[in-house]
Amino acid sequence: MSVEGPVRHARVKGAIESWNCADIVRQFEIQSGERLIVDLSGVREVDSTGLGELIDLHQKMVKSGGALALSDPSPVVKRLLETTRLCRFFTVLEDEMALNQFKTVS
């Protein structure tokens, strides 16, 4: 995990599934007003429990005055977000300009 001012970056690899999603999300200790970017380019699978944990993380971030963005979703994750229409719920960053804009918004 890396930090740039009030923005933290985390990269998740492999799968976000029922057996590991709580451990993955637990690593993101939420700080008040913090912005978190989770890079999903290395994720090959997400199950319903994993999606639920990401939704819960998003809600906790917003409640704390922060924000969560998902960056560079792998094709599998992108298709899942589109199919479930969660691409409307999450901030999904797919290019450098969107990433820089998320970093600078207060």
C-alpha atoms as a PDB file:
ATOM      1  CA  MET A   1       0.000   0.000   0.000  1.00  0.00           C
ATOM      2  CA  SER A   2       1.298   3.469  -0.813  1.00  0.00           C
ATOM      3  CA  VAL A   3       0.243   6.908   0.390  1.00  0.00           C
ATOM      4  CA  GLU A   4       0.170  10.241  -1.480  1.00  0.00           C
ATOM      5  CA  GLY A   5      -1.068  12.881   0.962  1.00  0.00           C
ATOM      6  CA  PRO A   6      -4.629  12.026   1.967  1.00  0.00           C
ATOM      7  CA  VAL A   7      -4.865   9.356  -0.759  1.00  0.00           C
ATOM      8  CA  ARG A   8      -3.901   5.732  -0.178  1.00  0.00           C
ATOM      9  CA  HIS A   9      -3.343   3.238  -2.977  1.00  0.00           C
ATOM     10  CA  ALA A  10      -3.767  -0.502  -2.565  1.00  0.00           C
ATOM     11  CA  ARG A  11      -3.408  -3.292  -5.088  1.00  0.00           C
ATOM     12  CA  VAL A  12      -5.411  -6.490  -4.779  1.00  0.00           C
ATOM     13  CA  LYS A  13      -4.367  -9.617  -6.661  1.00  0.00           C
ATOM     14  CA  GLY A  14      -5.997 -12.985  -7.177  1.00  0.00           C
ATOM     15  CA  ALA A  15      -9.564 -13.398  -5.983  1.00  0.00           C
ATOM     16  CA  ILE A  16     -11.903 -11.518  -3.685  1.00  0.00           C
ATOM     17  CA  GLU A  17     -14.079 -14.340  -2.426  1.00  0.00           C
ATOM     18  CA  SER A  18     -15.877 -15.483   0.704  1.00  0.00           C
ATOM     19  CA  TRP A  19     -12.793 -17.224   2.118  1.00  0.00           C
ATOM     20  CA  ASN A  20     -10.466 -14.187   1.908  1.00  0.00           C
ATOM     21  CA  CYS A  21     -12.471 -10.998   1.407  1.00  0.00           C
ATOM     22  CA  ALA A  22     -12.717 -10.073   5.099  1.00  0.00           C
ATOM     23  CA  ASP A  23      -8.910 -10.262   5.377  1.00  0.00           C
ATOM     24  CA  ILE A  24      -8.463  -8.153   2.248  1.00  0.00           C
ATOM     25  CA  VAL A  25     -10.864  -5.444   3.401  1.00  0.00           C
ATOM     26  CA  ARG A  26      -9.520  -5.494   6.967  1.00  0.00           C
ATOM     27  CA  GLN A  27      -6.161  -4.215   5.715  1.00  0.00           C
ATOM     28  CA  PHE A  28      -7.827  -0.934   4.739  1.00  0.00           C
ATOM     29  CA  GLU A  29      -8.025   0.721   8.152  1.00  0.00           C
ATOM     30  CA  ILE A  30     -10.358   3.626   7.516  1.00  0.00           C
ATOM     31  CA  GLN A  31      -9.113   7.056   8.499  1.00  0.00           C
ATOM     32  CA  SER A  32     -11.549   9.972   8.708  1.00  0.00           C
ATOM     33  CA  GLY A  33     -11.679  11.938   5.445  1.00  0.00           C
ATOM     34  CA  GLU A  34      -9.284   9.595   3.678  1.00  0.00           C
ATOM     35  CA  ARG A  35      -9.468   8.728  -0.005  1.00  0.00           C
ATOM     36  CA  LEU A  36      -8.656   5.149  -0.981  1.00  0.00           C
ATOM     37  CA  ILE A  37      -7.896   3.851  -4.457  1.00  0.00           C
ATOM     38  CA  VAL A  38      -8.036   0.066  -4.837  1.00  0.00           C
ATOM     39  CA  ASP A  39      -6.298  -1.251  -7.960  1.00  0.00           C
ATOM     40  CA  LEU A  40      -8.204  -4.297  -9.222  1.00  0.00           C
ATOM     41  CA  SER A  41      -6.108  -4.959 -12.324  1.00  0.00           C
ATOM     42  CA  GLY A  42      -4.745  -8.178 -10.801  1.00  0.00           C
ATOM     43  CA  VAL A  43      -8.090  -9.565  -9.632  1.00  0.00           C
ATOM     44  CA  ARG A  44      -9.271 -12.591 -11.576  1.00  0.00           C
ATOM     45  CA  GLU A  45     -12.463 -13.379  -9.657  1.00  0.00           C
ATOM     46  CA  VAL A  46     -14.964 -11.761  -7.278  1.00  0.00           C
ATOM     47  CA  ASP A  47     -17.891 -13.618  -5.726  1.00  0.00           C
ATOM     48  CA  SER A  48     -21.040 -12.193  -4.149  1.00  0.00           C
ATOM     49  CA  THR A  49     -19.465 -12.048  -0.685  1.00  0.00           C
ATOM     50  CA  GLY A  50     -16.502 -10.145  -2.117  1.00  0.00           C
ATOM     51  CA  LEU A  51     -18.843  -7.681  -3.804  1.00  0.00           C
ATOM     52  CA  GLY A  52     -20.685  -7.246  -0.511  1.00  0.00           C
ATOM     53  CA  GLU A  53     -17.438  -6.466   1.297  1.00  0.00           C
ATOM     54  CA  LEU A  54     -16.487  -3.857  -1.327  1.00  0.00           C
ATOM     55  CA  ILE A  55     -19.929  -2.245  -0.996  1.00  0.00           C
ATOM     56  CA  ASP A  56     -19.576  -2.221   2.798  1.00  0.00           C
ATOM     57  CA  LEU A  57     -16.089  -0.686   2.522  1.00  0.00           C
ATOM     58  CA  HIS A  58     -17.455   2.017   0.218  1.00  0.00           C
ATOM     59  CA  GLN A  59     -20.235   2.866   2.651  1.00  0.00           C
ATOM     60  CA  LYS A  60     -17.798   3.035   5.597  1.00  0.00           C
ATOM     61  CA  MET A  61     -15.480   5.323   3.628  1.00  0.00           C
ATOM     62  CA  VAL A  62     -18.332   7.696   2.745  1.00  0.00           C
ATOM     63  CA  LYS A  63     -19.639   7.643   6.316  1.00  0.00           C
ATOM     64  CA  SER A  64     -16.190   8.663   7.579  1.00  0.00           C
ATOM     65  CA  GLY A  65     -16.090  11.598   5.149  1.00  0.00           C
ATOM     66  CA  GLY A  66     -13.752   9.847   2.750  1.00  0.00           C
ATOM     67  CA  ALA A  67     -14.105   8.220  -0.648  1.00  0.00           C
ATOM     68  CA  LEU A  68     -13.333   4.915  -2.321  1.00  0.00           C
ATOM     69  CA  ALA A  69     -12.422   4.419  -5.971  1.00  0.00           C
ATOM     70  CA  LEU A  70     -11.749   1.208  -7.852  1.00  0.00           C
ATOM     71  CA  SER A  71      -9.019   1.562 -10.461  1.00  0.00           C
ATOM     72  CA  ASP A  72      -8.110  -0.441 -13.531  1.00  0.00           C
ATOM     73  CA  PRO A  73     -10.592  -3.289 -13.034  1.00  0.00           C
ATOM     74  CA  SER A  74      -9.548  -6.446 -14.832  1.00  0.00           C
ATOM     75  CA  PRO A  75     -11.868  -7.496 -17.685  1.00  0.00           C
ATOM     76  CA  VAL A  76     -13.593 -10.017 -15.395  1.00  0.00           C
ATOM     77  CA  VAL A  77     -14.181  -7.417 -12.667  1.00  0.00           C
ATOM     78  CA  LYS A  78     -15.264  -4.774 -15.177  1.00  0.00           C
ATOM     79  CA  ARG A  79     -17.825  -7.154 -16.673  1.00  0.00           C
ATOM     80  CA  LEU A  80     -19.117  -8.012 -13.174  1.00  0.00           C
ATOM     81  CA  LEU A  81     -19.448  -4.335 -12.210  1.00  0.00           C
ATOM     82  CA  GLU A  82     -21.315  -3.622 -15.447  1.00  0.00           C
ATOM     83  CA  THR A  83     -23.591  -6.678 -15.189  1.00  0.00           C
ATOM     84  CA  THR A  84     -24.564  -5.851 -11.602  1.00  0.00           C
ATOM     85  CA  ARG A  85     -24.727  -2.124 -12.427  1.00  0.00           C
ATOM     86  CA  LEU A  86     -22.348  -1.462  -9.543  1.00  0.00           C
ATOM     87  CA  CYS A  87     -20.289   0.647 -11.941  1.00  0.00           C
ATOM     88  CA  ARG A  88     -22.927   3.301 -11.144  1.00  0.00           C
ATOM     89  CA  PHE A  89     -22.413   2.855  -7.395  1.00  0.00           C
ATOM     90  CA  PHE A  90     -18.615   2.819  -7.287  1.00  0.00           C
ATOM     91  CA  THR A  91     -16.244   5.405  -8.662  1.00  0.00           C
ATOM     92  CA  VAL A  92     -14.355   3.404 -11.291  1.00  0.00           C
ATOM     93  CA  LEU A  93     -11.119   4.948 -12.562  1.00  0.00           C
ATOM     94  CA  GLU A  94     -10.093   3.589 -15.934  1.00  0.00           C
ATOM     95  CA  ASP A  95      -7.568   6.157 -17.125  1.00  0.00           C
ATOM     96  CA  GLU A  96      -4.822   8.427 -15.829  1.00  0.00           C
ATOM     97  CA  MET A  97      -6.926  11.582 -16.102  1.00  0.00           C
ATOM     98  CA  ALA A  98      -9.720  10.126 -13.927  1.00  0.00           C
ATOM     99  CA  LEU A  99      -7.137   8.891 -11.428  1.00  0.00           C
ATOM    100  CA  ASN A 100      -5.506  12.317 -11.145  1.00  0.00           C
ATOM    101  CA  GLN A 101      -8.880  14.007 -10.793  1.00  0.00           C
ATOM    102  CA  PHE A 102      -9.865  11.676  -7.909  1.00  0.00           C
ATOM    103  CA  LYS A 103      -6.567  12.412  -6.167  1.00  0.00           C
ATOM    104  CA  THR A 104      -7.063  16.177  -6.303  1.00  0.00           C
ATOM    105  CA  VAL A 105     -10.760  16.491  -5.411  1.00  0.00           C
ATOM    106  CA  SER A 106     -11.227  17.571  -1.816  1.00  0.00           C
END
